[in-house]
Full PDB file with SEQRES, HELIX, SHEET, SSBOND, CRYST1, ORIGX, SCALE, CONECT and MASTER records, all heavy atoms in Angstrom:
SEQRES   1 A   32  GLU ALA SER GLY SER GLU PRO GLY SER ASP GLU TYR LYS          
SEQRES   2 A   32  GLN ALA ILE ILE ASP ALA ILE PRO GLU VAL GLY SER GLY          
SEQRES   3 A   32  ILE ALA GLY VAL THR SER                                      
HELIX    1 AA1 ASP A   10  GLY A   24  1                                  15    
CRYST1    1.000    1.000    1.000  90.00  90.00  90.00 P 1           1          
ORIGX1      1.000000  0.000000  0.000000        0.00000                         
ORIGX2      0.000000  1.000000  0.000000        0.00000                         
ORIGX3      0.000000  0.000000  1.000000        0.00000                         
SCALE1      1.000000  0.000000  0.000000        0.00000                         
SCALE2      0.000000  1.000000  0.000000        0.00000                         
SCALE3      0.000000  0.000000  1.000000        0.00000                         
ATOM      1  N   GLU A   1       0.883  -1.230  -0.026  1.00  0.00           N  
ATOM      2  CA  GLU A   1      -0.054   0.003   0.001  1.00  0.00           C  
ATOM      3  C   GLU A   1       0.817   1.239  -0.016  1.00  0.00           C  
ATOM      4  O   GLU A   1       0.543   2.236  -0.659  1.00  0.00           O  
ATOM      5  CB  GLU A   1      -0.905  -0.023   1.188  1.00  0.00           C  
ATOM      6  CG  GLU A   1      -2.161  -0.843   1.096  1.00  0.00           C  
ATOM      7  CD  GLU A   1      -3.113  -0.375   0.002  1.00  0.00           C  
ATOM      8  OE1 GLU A   1      -3.421   0.885   0.045  1.00  0.00           O  
ATOM      9  OE2 GLU A   1      -3.509  -1.117  -0.964  1.00  0.00           O  
ATOM     10  N   ALA A   2       2.013   1.223   0.704  1.00  0.00           N  
ATOM     11  CA  ALA A   2       2.898   2.323   0.745  1.00  0.00           C  
ATOM     12  C   ALA A   2       3.531   2.704  -0.622  1.00  0.00           C  
ATOM     13  O   ALA A   2       4.008   3.812  -0.847  1.00  0.00           O  
ATOM     14  CB  ALA A   2       3.963   2.126   1.731  1.00  0.00           C  
ATOM     15  N   SER A   3       3.503   1.697  -1.575  1.00  0.00           N  
ATOM     16  CA  SER A   3       4.086   1.930  -2.819  1.00  0.00           C  
ATOM     17  C   SER A   3       3.243   2.854  -3.717  1.00  0.00           C  
ATOM     18  O   SER A   3       3.705   3.346  -4.700  1.00  0.00           O  
ATOM     19  CB  SER A   3       4.263   0.565  -3.554  1.00  0.00           C  
ATOM     20  OG  SER A   3       3.056  -0.022  -3.952  1.00  0.00           O  
ATOM     21  N   GLY A   4       1.912   2.988  -3.299  1.00  0.00           N  
ATOM     22  CA  GLY A   4       1.045   3.867  -4.081  1.00  0.00           C  
ATOM     23  C   GLY A   4       0.454   3.207  -5.282  1.00  0.00           C  
ATOM     24  O   GLY A   4      -0.363   3.786  -6.070  1.00  0.00           O  
ATOM     25  N   SER A   5       0.780   1.913  -5.603  1.00  0.00           N  
ATOM     26  CA  SER A   5       0.177   1.271  -6.721  1.00  0.00           C  
ATOM     27  C   SER A   5      -1.138   0.664  -6.375  1.00  0.00           C  
ATOM     28  O   SER A   5      -1.628   0.618  -5.190  1.00  0.00           O  
ATOM     29  CB  SER A   5       1.103   0.158  -7.224  1.00  0.00           C  
ATOM     30  OG  SER A   5       1.564  -0.762  -6.124  1.00  0.00           O  
ATOM     31  N   GLU A   6      -1.846   0.145  -7.369  1.00  0.00           N  
ATOM     32  CA  GLU A   6      -3.229  -0.294  -7.210  1.00  0.00           C  
ATOM     33  C   GLU A   6      -3.297  -1.713  -6.903  1.00  0.00           C  
ATOM     34  O   GLU A   6      -2.579  -2.566  -7.615  1.00  0.00           O  
ATOM     35  CB  GLU A   6      -4.025  -0.029  -8.448  1.00  0.00           C  
ATOM     36  CG  GLU A   6      -5.561  -0.368  -8.394  1.00  0.00           C  
ATOM     37  CD  GLU A   6      -6.359   0.651  -7.509  1.00  0.00           C  
ATOM     38  OE1 GLU A   6      -5.744   1.707  -7.187  1.00  0.00           O  
ATOM     39  OE2 GLU A   6      -7.485   0.278  -7.317  1.00  0.00           O  
ATOM     40  N   PRO A   7      -4.049  -2.213  -5.939  1.00  0.00           N  
ATOM     41  CA  PRO A   7      -4.237  -3.642  -5.667  1.00  0.00           C  
ATOM     42  C   PRO A   7      -4.642  -4.392  -6.964  1.00  0.00           C  
ATOM     43  O   PRO A   7      -5.480  -3.932  -7.702  1.00  0.00           O  
ATOM     44  CB  PRO A   7      -5.378  -3.730  -4.640  1.00  0.00           C  
ATOM     45  CG  PRO A   7      -5.231  -2.463  -3.914  1.00  0.00           C  
ATOM     46  CD  PRO A   7      -4.833  -1.415  -4.904  1.00  0.00           C  
ATOM     47  N   GLY A   8      -3.954  -5.546  -7.256  1.00  0.00           N  
ATOM     48  CA  GLY A   8      -4.145  -6.309  -8.445  1.00  0.00           C  
ATOM     49  C   GLY A   8      -3.280  -5.964  -9.522  1.00  0.00           C  
ATOM     50  O   GLY A   8      -3.145  -6.742 -10.511  1.00  0.00           O  
ATOM     51  N   SER A   9      -2.578  -4.831  -9.423  1.00  0.00           N  
ATOM     52  CA  SER A   9      -1.601  -4.454 -10.566  1.00  0.00           C  
ATOM     53  C   SER A   9      -0.295  -5.248 -10.434  1.00  0.00           C  
ATOM     54  O   SER A   9      -0.027  -5.786  -9.314  1.00  0.00           O  
ATOM     55  CB  SER A   9      -1.384  -2.958 -10.482  1.00  0.00           C  
ATOM     56  OG  SER A   9      -0.594  -2.603  -9.195  1.00  0.00           O  
ATOM     57  N   ASP A  10       0.408  -5.255 -11.498  1.00  0.00           N  
ATOM     58  CA  ASP A  10       1.602  -6.039 -11.500  1.00  0.00           C  
ATOM     59  C   ASP A  10       2.611  -5.350 -10.474  1.00  0.00           C  
ATOM     60  O   ASP A  10       3.390  -6.129  -9.796  1.00  0.00           O  
ATOM     61  CB  ASP A  10       2.314  -5.969 -12.863  1.00  0.00           C  
ATOM     62  CG  ASP A  10       1.552  -6.807 -13.832  1.00  0.00           C  
ATOM     63  OD1 ASP A  10       0.774  -7.657 -13.489  1.00  0.00           O  
ATOM     64  OD2 ASP A  10       1.788  -6.583 -15.145  1.00  0.00           O  
ATOM     65  N   GLU A  11       2.623  -4.075 -10.425  1.00  0.00           N  
ATOM     66  CA  GLU A  11       3.444  -3.356  -9.395  1.00  0.00           C  
ATOM     67  C   GLU A  11       3.149  -3.720  -8.000  1.00  0.00           C  
ATOM     68  O   GLU A  11       4.008  -3.983  -7.173  1.00  0.00           O  
ATOM     69  CB  GLU A  11       3.417  -1.846  -9.673  1.00  0.00           C  
ATOM     70  CG  GLU A  11       3.896  -1.351 -10.962  1.00  0.00           C  
ATOM     71  CD  GLU A  11       2.930  -1.556 -12.157  1.00  0.00           C  
ATOM     72  OE1 GLU A  11       1.787  -1.918 -11.862  1.00  0.00           O  
ATOM     73  OE2 GLU A  11       3.332  -1.363 -13.290  1.00  0.00           O  
ATOM     74  N   TYR A  12       1.840  -3.784  -7.733  1.00  0.00           N  
ATOM     75  CA  TYR A  12       1.415  -4.156  -6.391  1.00  0.00           C  
ATOM     76  C   TYR A  12       1.773  -5.529  -5.963  1.00  0.00           C  
ATOM     77  O   TYR A  12       2.310  -5.740  -4.818  1.00  0.00           O  
ATOM     78  CB  TYR A  12      -0.068  -3.910  -6.285  1.00  0.00           C  
ATOM     79  CG  TYR A  12      -0.717  -3.836  -4.938  1.00  0.00           C  
ATOM     80  CD1 TYR A  12      -0.884  -2.606  -4.321  1.00  0.00           C  
ATOM     81  CD2 TYR A  12      -1.060  -4.978  -4.186  1.00  0.00           C  
ATOM     82  CE1 TYR A  12      -1.480  -2.504  -3.049  1.00  0.00           C  
ATOM     83  CE2 TYR A  12      -1.648  -4.845  -2.911  1.00  0.00           C  
ATOM     84  CZ  TYR A  12      -1.889  -3.612  -2.348  1.00  0.00           C  
ATOM     85  OH  TYR A  12      -2.451  -3.531  -1.101  1.00  0.00           O  
ATOM     86  N   LYS A  13       1.582  -6.472  -6.885  1.00  0.00           N  
ATOM     87  CA  LYS A  13       1.901  -7.866  -6.603  1.00  0.00           C  
ATOM     88  C   LYS A  13       3.396  -8.027  -6.310  1.00  0.00           C  
ATOM     89  O   LYS A  13       3.874  -8.684  -5.427  1.00  0.00           O  
ATOM     90  CB  LYS A  13       1.555  -8.692  -7.840  1.00  0.00           C  
ATOM     91  CG  LYS A  13      -0.024  -8.892  -7.962  1.00  0.00           C  
ATOM     92  CD  LYS A  13      -0.253  -9.622  -9.215  1.00  0.00           C  
ATOM     93  CE  LYS A  13      -1.771  -9.613  -9.561  1.00  0.00           C  
ATOM     94  NZ  LYS A  13      -2.016 -10.250 -10.856  1.00  0.00           N  
ATOM     95  N   GLN A  14       4.223  -7.259  -7.140  1.00  0.00           N  
ATOM     96  CA  GLN A  14       5.703  -7.413  -6.922  1.00  0.00           C  
ATOM     97  C   GLN A  14       6.063  -6.744  -5.603  1.00  0.00           C  
ATOM     98  O   GLN A  14       6.960  -7.211  -4.890  1.00  0.00           O  
ATOM     99  CB  GLN A  14       6.347  -6.688  -8.085  1.00  0.00           C  
ATOM    100  CG  GLN A  14       7.957  -6.820  -8.066  1.00  0.00           C  
ATOM    101  CD  GLN A  14       8.364  -8.291  -8.102  1.00  0.00           C  
ATOM    102  OE1 GLN A  14       8.014  -9.017  -8.981  1.00  0.00           O  
ATOM    103  NE2 GLN A  14       9.209  -8.744  -7.053  1.00  0.00           N  
ATOM    104  N   ALA A  15       5.338  -5.736  -5.220  1.00  0.00           N  
ATOM    105  CA  ALA A  15       5.647  -5.063  -3.879  1.00  0.00           C  
ATOM    106  C   ALA A  15       5.343  -6.121  -2.676  1.00  0.00           C  
ATOM    107  O   ALA A  15       6.075  -6.137  -1.711  1.00  0.00           O  
ATOM    108  CB  ALA A  15       4.872  -3.796  -3.741  1.00  0.00           C  
ATOM    109  N   ILE A  16       4.320  -6.915  -2.818  1.00  0.00           N  
ATOM    110  CA  ILE A  16       3.991  -7.873  -1.862  1.00  0.00           C  
ATOM    111  C   ILE A  16       5.145  -8.911  -1.797  1.00  0.00           C  
ATOM    112  O   ILE A  16       5.551  -9.202  -0.761  1.00  0.00           O  
ATOM    113  CB  ILE A  16       2.661  -8.582  -2.201  1.00  0.00           C  
ATOM    114  CG1 ILE A  16       1.449  -7.655  -2.052  1.00  0.00           C  
ATOM    115  CG2 ILE A  16       2.481  -9.754  -1.315  1.00  0.00           C  
ATOM    116  CD1 ILE A  16       0.161  -8.167  -2.672  1.00  0.00           C  
ATOM    117  N   ILE A  17       5.500  -9.448  -2.954  1.00  0.00           N  
ATOM    118  CA  ILE A  17       6.577 -10.468  -3.006  1.00  0.00           C  
ATOM    119  C   ILE A  17       7.834  -9.923  -2.381  1.00  0.00           C  
ATOM    120  O   ILE A  17       8.558 -10.617  -1.572  1.00  0.00           O  
ATOM    121  CB  ILE A  17       6.709 -10.853  -4.487  1.00  0.00           C  
ATOM    122  CG1 ILE A  17       5.553 -11.563  -4.956  1.00  0.00           C  
ATOM    123  CG2 ILE A  17       7.988 -11.789  -4.616  1.00  0.00           C  
ATOM    124  CD1 ILE A  17       5.534 -11.766  -6.543  1.00  0.00           C  
ATOM    125  N   ASP A  18       8.193  -8.630  -2.704  1.00  0.00           N  
ATOM    126  CA  ASP A  18       9.451  -8.098  -2.099  1.00  0.00           C  
ATOM    127  C   ASP A  18       9.379  -7.920  -0.668  1.00  0.00           C  
ATOM    128  O   ASP A  18      10.350  -8.015   0.040  1.00  0.00           O  
ATOM    129  CB  ASP A  18       9.720  -6.727  -2.793  1.00  0.00           C  
ATOM    130  CG  ASP A  18      10.123  -6.862  -4.272  1.00  0.00           C  
ATOM    131  OD1 ASP A  18      10.512  -7.930  -4.712  1.00  0.00           O  
ATOM    132  OD2 ASP A  18       9.928  -5.881  -4.963  1.00  0.00           O  
ATOM    133  N   ALA A  19       8.143  -7.674  -0.143  1.00  0.00           N  
ATOM    134  CA  ALA A  19       7.934  -7.297   1.281  1.00  0.00           C  
ATOM    135  C   ALA A  19       7.905  -8.579   2.205  1.00  0.00           C  
ATOM    136  O   ALA A  19       8.242  -8.473   3.370  1.00  0.00           O  
ATOM    137  CB  ALA A  19       6.666  -6.534   1.417  1.00  0.00           C  
ATOM    138  N   ILE A  20       7.522  -9.713   1.655  1.00  0.00           N  
ATOM    139  CA  ILE A  20       7.302 -10.881   2.488  1.00  0.00           C  
ATOM    140  C   ILE A  20       8.600 -11.240   3.346  1.00  0.00           C  
ATOM    141  O   ILE A  20       8.466 -11.377   4.562  1.00  0.00           O  
ATOM    142  CB  ILE A  20       6.823 -12.136   1.698  1.00  0.00           C  
ATOM    143  CG1 ILE A  20       5.322 -11.864   1.295  1.00  0.00           C  
ATOM    144  CG2 ILE A  20       6.919 -13.366   2.513  1.00  0.00           C  
ATOM    145  CD1 ILE A  20       4.803 -12.856   0.292  1.00  0.00           C  
ATOM    146  N   PRO A  21       9.754 -11.438   2.695  1.00  0.00           N  
ATOM    147  CA  PRO A  21      10.948 -11.831   3.502  1.00  0.00           C  
ATOM    148  C   PRO A  21      11.339 -10.626   4.385  1.00  0.00           C  
ATOM    149  O   PRO A  21      11.937 -10.819   5.460  1.00  0.00           O  
ATOM    150  CB  PRO A  21      11.986 -12.120   2.473  1.00  0.00           C  
ATOM    151  CG  PRO A  21      11.528 -11.503   1.246  1.00  0.00           C  
ATOM    152  CD  PRO A  21      10.055 -11.498   1.234  1.00  0.00           C  
ATOM    153  N   GLU A  22      11.012  -9.428   4.008  1.00  0.00           N  
ATOM    154  CA  GLU A  22      11.423  -8.242   4.805  1.00  0.00           C  
ATOM    155  C   GLU A  22      10.631  -8.154   6.027  1.00  0.00           C  
ATOM    156  O   GLU A  22      11.207  -7.815   7.171  1.00  0.00           O  
ATOM    157  CB  GLU A  22      11.218  -6.940   3.944  1.00  0.00           C  
ATOM    158  CG  GLU A  22      11.594  -5.698   4.621  1.00  0.00           C  
ATOM    159  CD  GLU A  22      11.297  -4.444   3.872  1.00  0.00           C  
ATOM    160  OE1 GLU A  22      11.039  -4.608   2.596  1.00  0.00           O  
ATOM    161  OE2 GLU A  22      11.237  -3.342   4.391  1.00  0.00           O  
ATOM    162  N   VAL A  23       9.294  -8.375   6.034  1.00  0.00           N  
ATOM    163  CA  VAL A  23       8.488  -8.165   7.191  1.00  0.00           C  
ATOM    164  C   VAL A  23       8.369  -9.433   8.015  1.00  0.00           C  
ATOM    165  O   VAL A  23       7.939  -9.358   9.215  1.00  0.00           O  
ATOM    166  CB  VAL A  23       6.990  -7.744   6.823  1.00  0.00           C  
ATOM    167  CG1 VAL A  23       7.084  -6.438   5.996  1.00  0.00           C  
ATOM    168  CG2 VAL A  23       6.323  -8.843   5.970  1.00  0.00           C  
ATOM    169  N   GLY A  24       8.726 -10.557   7.506  1.00  0.00           N  
ATOM    170  CA  GLY A  24       8.573 -11.882   8.221  1.00  0.00           C  
ATOM    171  C   GLY A  24       9.197 -11.900   9.605  1.00  0.00           C  
ATOM    172  O   GLY A  24       8.633 -12.422  10.532  1.00  0.00           O  
ATOM    173  N   SER A  25      10.387 -11.351   9.723  1.00  0.00           N  
ATOM    174  CA  SER A  25      11.098 -11.433  11.027  1.00  0.00           C  
ATOM    175  C   SER A  25      10.368 -10.731  12.138  1.00  0.00           C  
ATOM    176  O   SER A  25      10.567 -11.034  13.330  1.00  0.00           O  
ATOM    177  CB  SER A  25      12.495 -10.876  10.940  1.00  0.00           C  
ATOM    178  OG  SER A  25      12.451  -9.473  10.499  1.00  0.00           O  
ATOM    179  N   GLY A  26       9.419  -9.826  11.794  1.00  0.00           N  
ATOM    180  CA  GLY A  26       8.682  -9.110  12.809  1.00  0.00           C  
ATOM    181  C   GLY A  26       7.292  -9.731  13.061  1.00  0.00           C  
ATOM    182  O   GLY A  26       6.592  -9.143  13.907  1.00  0.00           O  
ATOM    183  N   ILE A  27       7.035 -10.852  12.512  1.00  0.00           N  
ATOM    184  CA  ILE A  27       5.759 -11.499  12.701  1.00  0.00           C  
ATOM    185  C   ILE A  27       5.874 -12.513  13.772  1.00  0.00           C  
ATOM    186  O   ILE A  27       6.390 -13.635  13.611  1.00  0.00           O  
ATOM    187  CB  ILE A  27       5.228 -12.231  11.406  1.00  0.00           C  
ATOM    188  CG1 ILE A  27       5.144 -11.174  10.239  1.00  0.00           C  
ATOM    189  CG2 ILE A  27       3.941 -12.900  11.598  1.00  0.00           C  
ATOM    190  CD1 ILE A  27       4.166 -10.071  10.585  1.00  0.00           C  
ATOM    191  N   ALA A  28       5.268 -12.242  15.003  1.00  0.00           N  
ATOM    192  CA  ALA A  28       5.360 -13.191  16.048  1.00  0.00           C  
ATOM    193  C   ALA A  28       4.035 -14.064  15.967  1.00  0.00           C  
ATOM    194  O   ALA A  28       2.961 -13.771  16.524  1.00  0.00           O  
ATOM    195  CB  ALA A  28       5.306 -12.434  17.479  1.00  0.00           C  
ATOM    196  N   GLY A  29       4.131 -15.087  15.100  1.00  0.00           N  
ATOM    197  CA  GLY A  29       2.980 -15.894  14.834  1.00  0.00           C  
ATOM    198  C   GLY A  29       2.656 -16.873  15.892  1.00  0.00           C  
ATOM    199  O   GLY A  29       3.270 -17.047  16.889  1.00  0.00           O  
ATOM    200  N   VAL A  30       1.549 -17.689  15.620  1.00  0.00           N  
ATOM    201  CA  VAL A  30       1.130 -18.659  16.559  1.00  0.00           C  
ATOM    202  C   VAL A  30       2.105 -19.846  16.539  1.00  0.00           C  
ATOM    203  O   VAL A  30       2.389 -20.400  17.696  1.00  0.00           O  
ATOM    204  CB  VAL A  30      -0.312 -19.248  16.126  1.00  0.00           C  
ATOM    205  CG1 VAL A  30      -0.723 -20.370  17.016  1.00  0.00           C  
ATOM    206  CG2 VAL A  30      -1.310 -18.108  16.158  1.00  0.00           C  
ATOM    207  N   THR A  31       2.720 -20.186  15.465  1.00  0.00           N  
ATOM    208  CA  THR A  31       3.607 -21.311  15.321  1.00  0.00           C  
ATOM    209  C   THR A  31       5.069 -20.916  15.179  1.00  0.00           C  
ATOM    210  O   THR A  31       5.951 -21.772  15.058  1.00  0.00           O  
ATOM    211  CB  THR A  31       3.271 -22.179  14.125  1.00  0.00           C  
ATOM    212  OG1 THR A  31       3.472 -21.496  12.898  1.00  0.00           O  
ATOM    213  CG2 THR A  31       1.724 -22.576  14.178  1.00  0.00           C  
ATOM    214  N   SER A  32       5.362 -19.643  15.266  1.00  0.00           N  
ATOM    215  CA  SER A  32       6.709 -19.124  15.154  1.00  0.00           C  
ATOM    216  C   SER A  32       6.829 -17.845  16.038  1.00  0.00           C  
ATOM    217  O   SER A  32       6.822 -16.711  15.453  1.00  0.00           O  
ATOM    218  CB  SER A  32       7.230 -18.913  13.786  1.00  0.00           C  
ATOM    219  OG  SER A  32       8.539 -18.658  13.737  1.00  0.00           O  
TER     220      SER A  32                                                      
MASTER        0    0    0    1    0    0    0    6  219    1    0    3          
END                                                                             
């Protein structure tokens, strides 16, 4: 969302993919 692109667009999807490993370490999940 911070990228300013539209959900469903190619740019937005790539932003999600790029963000997953970046934000993961801060996710205190149920199983991790």
